[in-house]
Every structure is written in structure tokens, then in C-alpha cells.
N, C-alpha and C. Protein backbone atom coordinates (compact mmCIF):
# COMPACT_ATOMS: atom_id res chain seq x y z
N MET A 1 41.63 17.32 34.07
CA MET A 1 41.87 17.21 32.88
C MET A 1 43.30 16.38 32.93
N GLN A 2 43.68 17.32 33.38
CA GLN A 2 45.31 17.19 32.92
C GLN A 2 45.58 16.09 33.90
N ALA A 3 45.41 15.31 35.28
CA ALA A 3 46.07 14.60 36.22
C ALA A 3 45.12 13.16 35.94
N GLY A 4 44.48 12.58 33.83
CA GLY A 4 43.90 12.00 33.36
C GLY A 4 42.70 10.76 34.52
N LEU A 5 41.94 12.28 35.16
CA LEU A 5 40.80 11.30 35.41
C LEU A 5 39.19 11.01 34.96
N VAL A 6 39.98 11.99 33.79
CA VAL A 6 38.48 11.91 32.79
C VAL A 6 38.86 11.95 31.90
N ALA A 7 38.65 12.63 29.88
CA ALA A 7 38.96 12.04 29.63
C ALA A 7 37.93 13.91 28.37
N LYS A 8 37.10 14.02 29.16
CA LYS A 8 36.17 15.13 28.52
C LYS A 8 35.86 15.52 29.55
N PRO A 9 35.79 16.99 29.99
CA PRO A 9 35.41 17.80 31.13
C PRO A 9 33.92 18.06 31.48
N GLU A 10 32.65 17.34 30.22
CA GLU A 10 32.26 17.08 31.52
C GLU A 10 31.87 15.42 31.31
N ASP A 11 33.01 14.80 31.43
CA ASP A 11 32.98 13.31 32.27
C ASP A 11 32.75 13.62 33.79
N TRP A 12 33.24 14.24 34.33
CA TRP A 12 33.73 14.90 35.68
C TRP A 12 32.49 15.20 35.98
N ALA A 13 31.93 13.71 37.14
CA ALA A 13 30.74 13.79 37.80
C ALA A 13 30.01 15.51 38.49
N TRP A 14 31.34 15.86 39.04
CA TRP A 14 30.43 17.55 39.49
C TRP A 14 30.15 18.50 38.44
N SER A 15 31.25 18.37 37.35
CA SER A 15 31.74 19.54 36.21
C SER A 15 30.19 19.99 35.45
N SER A 16 29.92 21.14 35.70
CA SER A 16 28.39 21.60 34.86
C SER A 16 28.90 21.51 33.28
N ALA A 17 29.90 20.75 32.42
CA ALA A 17 30.21 21.30 31.30
C ALA A 17 29.10 20.22 30.68
N ALA A 18 28.44 19.60 30.66
CA ALA A 18 27.70 18.44 30.70
C ALA A 18 26.26 19.21 30.05
N ALA A 19 25.88 20.08 30.77
CA ALA A 19 24.43 20.76 31.33
C ALA A 19 24.76 22.10 30.35
N TYR A 20 25.86 22.57 30.28
CA TYR A 20 26.24 23.62 29.06
C TYR A 20 26.35 23.37 27.85
N LEU A 21 26.80 21.89 27.38
CA LEU A 21 26.89 21.71 25.94
C LEU A 21 25.35 20.75 25.94
N GLY A 22 24.31 20.50 27.18
CA GLY A 22 23.49 20.02 26.35
C GLY A 22 22.99 18.38 26.29
N GLY A 23 24.27 17.78 27.90
CA GLY A 23 24.05 16.33 26.84
C GLY A 23 23.24 15.47 28.96
N LYS A 24 23.16 17.03 29.70
CA LYS A 24 22.29 16.35 30.56
C LYS A 24 21.81 18.27 31.00
N PRO A 25 20.56 17.58 31.09
CA PRO A 25 19.69 18.79 32.18
C PRO A 25 20.61 19.86 32.57
N ALA A 26 20.59 20.99 33.23
CA ALA A 26 21.21 21.45 34.08
C ALA A 26 20.51 21.12 35.63
N PRO A 27 20.45 21.17 36.81
CA PRO A 27 20.31 21.47 37.76
C PRO A 27 19.23 23.24 38.30
N ASP A 28 18.45 22.94 38.94
CA ASP A 28 17.44 24.45 39.00
C ASP A 28 18.39 25.46 39.67
N TRP A 29 19.14 24.37 40.28
CA TRP A 29 20.13 26.79 40.84
C TRP A 29 20.58 27.03 39.29
N LEU A 30 21.34 25.77 38.17
CA LEU A 30 21.91 26.82 37.19
C LEU A 30 21.83 26.67 36.44
N ARG A 31 22.49 28.49 36.15
CA ARG A 31 21.99 29.34 35.00
C ARG A 31 22.60 28.92 33.82
N THR A 32 22.47 28.04 32.94
CA THR A 32 23.70 28.07 31.14
C THR A 32 23.21 29.22 30.46
N THR A 33 22.40 29.99 30.95
CA THR A 33 22.09 31.08 28.96
C THR A 33 22.87 31.97 29.37
N THR A 34 23.00 32.55 31.07
CA THR A 34 23.96 34.08 30.56
C THR A 34 25.16 33.39 30.08
N ILE A 35 25.73 32.59 30.27
CA ILE A 35 27.61 32.09 30.34
C ILE A 35 27.28 31.61 28.62
N LEU A 36 26.35 30.47 28.22
CA LEU A 36 26.07 30.22 26.31
C LEU A 36 25.38 31.69 25.23
N GLU A 37 25.01 32.43 26.28
CA GLU A 37 25.05 33.87 25.15
C GLU A 37 26.16 34.32 25.09
N MET A 38 27.29 33.94 25.86
CA MET A 38 28.21 35.24 25.55
C MET A 38 29.27 34.47 24.20
N PHE A 39 28.68 33.12 23.92
CA PHE A 39 29.50 32.02 23.31
C PHE A 39 28.44 32.54 21.65
N GLY A 40 27.58 33.80 21.59
CA GLY A 40 27.09 33.47 19.92
C GLY A 40 25.74 32.54 19.96
N VAL A 41 25.93 32.72 18.35
CA VAL A 41 24.28 31.79 17.83
C VAL A 41 25.03 30.27 17.99
N ALA A 42 25.80 29.80 17.28
CA ALA A 42 26.64 28.57 17.59
C ALA A 42 27.22 28.29 19.71
N ALA A 43 26.54 28.65 20.33
CA ALA A 43 26.78 29.11 20.98
C ALA A 43 27.90 27.69 22.21
N ARG A 44 26.57 26.20 22.29
CA ARG A 44 27.22 25.07 22.20
C ARG A 44 28.12 24.70 21.37
N ARG A 45 28.37 24.74 20.33
CA ARG A 45 29.51 24.57 19.30
C ARG A 45 30.96 25.34 19.88
N GLU A 46 30.77 26.94 20.61
CA GLU A 46 31.61 27.37 20.29
C GLU A 46 32.01 27.09 22.29
N TYR A 47 31.31 26.96 22.87
CA TYR A 47 31.38 26.35 24.30
C TYR A 47 32.91 25.16 23.90
N ARG A 48 31.97 24.22 23.00
CA ARG A 48 33.38 22.63 23.24
C ARG A 48 34.24 23.36 22.58
N ALA A 49 34.92 23.77 21.79
CA ALA A 49 35.45 24.90 21.24
C ALA A 49 36.76 25.40 22.63
N PHE A 50 35.82 25.92 23.70
CA PHE A 50 36.49 26.35 24.54
C PHE A 50 37.05 25.34 25.24
N LEU A 51 36.17 24.16 25.54
CA LEU A 51 36.28 23.44 25.95
C LEU A 51 38.14 23.43 26.10
N ASP A 52 37.86 22.63 24.38
CA ASP A 52 38.65 22.00 23.96
C ASP A 52 39.97 22.57 23.84
N GLU A 53 40.20 23.66 24.00
CA GLU A 53 42.08 24.72 24.41
C GLU A 53 42.36 24.48 24.54
N ASP A 54 43.89 24.43 24.45
CA ASP A 54 44.82 24.34 25.75
C ASP A 54 44.88 25.76 26.52
N VAL A 55 45.49 25.60 27.63
CA VAL A 55 44.80 26.87 28.09
C VAL A 55 46.58 27.90 27.94
N ASP A 56 46.50 28.60 28.32
CA ASP A 56 48.16 29.26 28.01
C ASP A 56 49.22 28.98 28.75
N GLY A 57 50.40 29.64 28.67
CA GLY A 57 51.51 29.96 29.98
C GLY A 57 50.71 30.96 30.46
N PRO A 58 50.81 32.02 30.58
CA PRO A 58 50.84 33.01 31.54
C PRO A 58 49.76 32.29 32.89
N THR A 59 49.17 31.61 31.55
CA THR A 59 47.73 31.56 33.20
C THR A 59 47.53 29.66 33.38
N ARG A 60 48.90 29.30 33.13
CA ARG A 60 48.94 27.97 33.67
C ARG A 60 49.85 28.37 34.82
N GLU A 61 51.08 29.22 34.23
CA GLU A 61 51.77 29.74 35.47
C GLU A 61 50.96 29.82 36.07
N SER A 62 50.12 30.47 36.54
CA SER A 62 49.32 31.50 37.74
C SER A 62 48.05 30.33 38.07
N TYR A 63 47.95 29.02 37.69
CA TYR A 63 47.47 27.73 38.39
C TYR A 63 48.32 27.39 39.53
N GLU A 64 49.28 26.65 38.23
CA GLU A 64 50.31 25.98 39.30
C GLU A 64 51.04 26.77 40.19
N ALA A 65 51.24 28.23 40.37
CA ALA A 65 51.85 28.93 41.87
C ALA A 65 50.74 28.74 42.36
N TRP A 66 49.87 28.61 42.26
CA TRP A 66 47.98 28.49 43.12
C TRP A 66 47.92 27.22 43.91
N GLN A 67 48.27 26.36 43.02
CA GLN A 67 48.17 24.58 43.62
C GLN A 67 49.58 24.84 44.90
N VAL A 68 50.44 25.32 44.83
CA VAL A 68 51.71 24.76 45.62
C VAL A 68 51.91 26.28 46.34
N GLY A 69 51.73 26.96 46.01
CA GLY A 69 51.51 28.36 46.93
C GLY A 69 51.09 28.76 48.25
N PRO A 70 51.70 28.87 48.92
CA PRO A 70 51.62 28.76 50.41
C PRO A 70 49.96 29.86 50.81
N ARG A 71 49.49 28.93 51.27
CA ARG A 71 47.81 29.15 51.92
C ARG A 71 48.11 30.40 53.00
N LYS A 72 46.97 31.00 53.77
CA LYS A 72 46.93 31.83 54.93
C LYS A 72 47.14 30.35 56.55
N GLY A 73 48.49 31.19 56.77
CA GLY A 73 47.96 30.03 58.37
C GLY A 73 49.37 29.21 57.36
N GLY A 74 50.46 29.34 56.39
CA GLY A 74 51.41 28.83 56.07
C GLY A 74 50.98 27.16 55.89
N GLN A 75 49.48 26.76 55.36
CA GLN A 75 49.56 26.44 54.93
C GLN A 75 49.78 25.78 53.02
N THR A 76 50.18 24.49 52.35
CA THR A 76 50.03 24.62 50.83
C THR A 76 48.78 24.34 50.13
N ARG A 77 48.59 24.49 49.36
CA ARG A 77 47.40 24.21 48.71
C ARG A 77 48.12 23.22 47.40
N GLY A 78 47.35 22.18 47.63
CA GLY A 78 47.47 21.23 46.45
C GLY A 78 48.84 19.91 46.69
N VAL A 79 49.36 19.94 47.40
CA VAL A 79 51.13 19.82 48.05
C VAL A 79 50.16 18.32 49.06
């Protein structure tokens, strides 16, 4: 999303978001029930809200460090 490749997570071809939101059937290997049960009675609405939330500062910093940090063998990620 941040890269601007898609407008919503469920638009990404390799994302499971559409299956969790009920927009397309889940593949046989994906069990959406366990995750959706964590969101309570209005699971799909709450999951949508979760996807729409912005990432907090410490989590964003962690992601950014992982993307550009050193890998085993001296390679870098995301650069």
C-alpha cells in the first residue's frame, strides 16, 4: 500500500485480505475462522478497521530497519 501499487490490501493479488473480508472465497489451505474469531461478533467490519489503521511509530521503525538492515552473509534487504 505504501508503495502505491494497490489502493487497498484486498486488491493485491497475493493478499489473503479479500478472503478474510468475504470478497472472494478462501483457498483450501487458508483457514480464516481462527483470525476472524479474534475480531469478535462483527469480525469482518473489525478486520476492515484493523487493515485501515495506520502503523504506529515503533512498528514502522521496526519494518524500516528490517527492510534495509543487513542480512546474513552481508546482503541488504529491500535496497
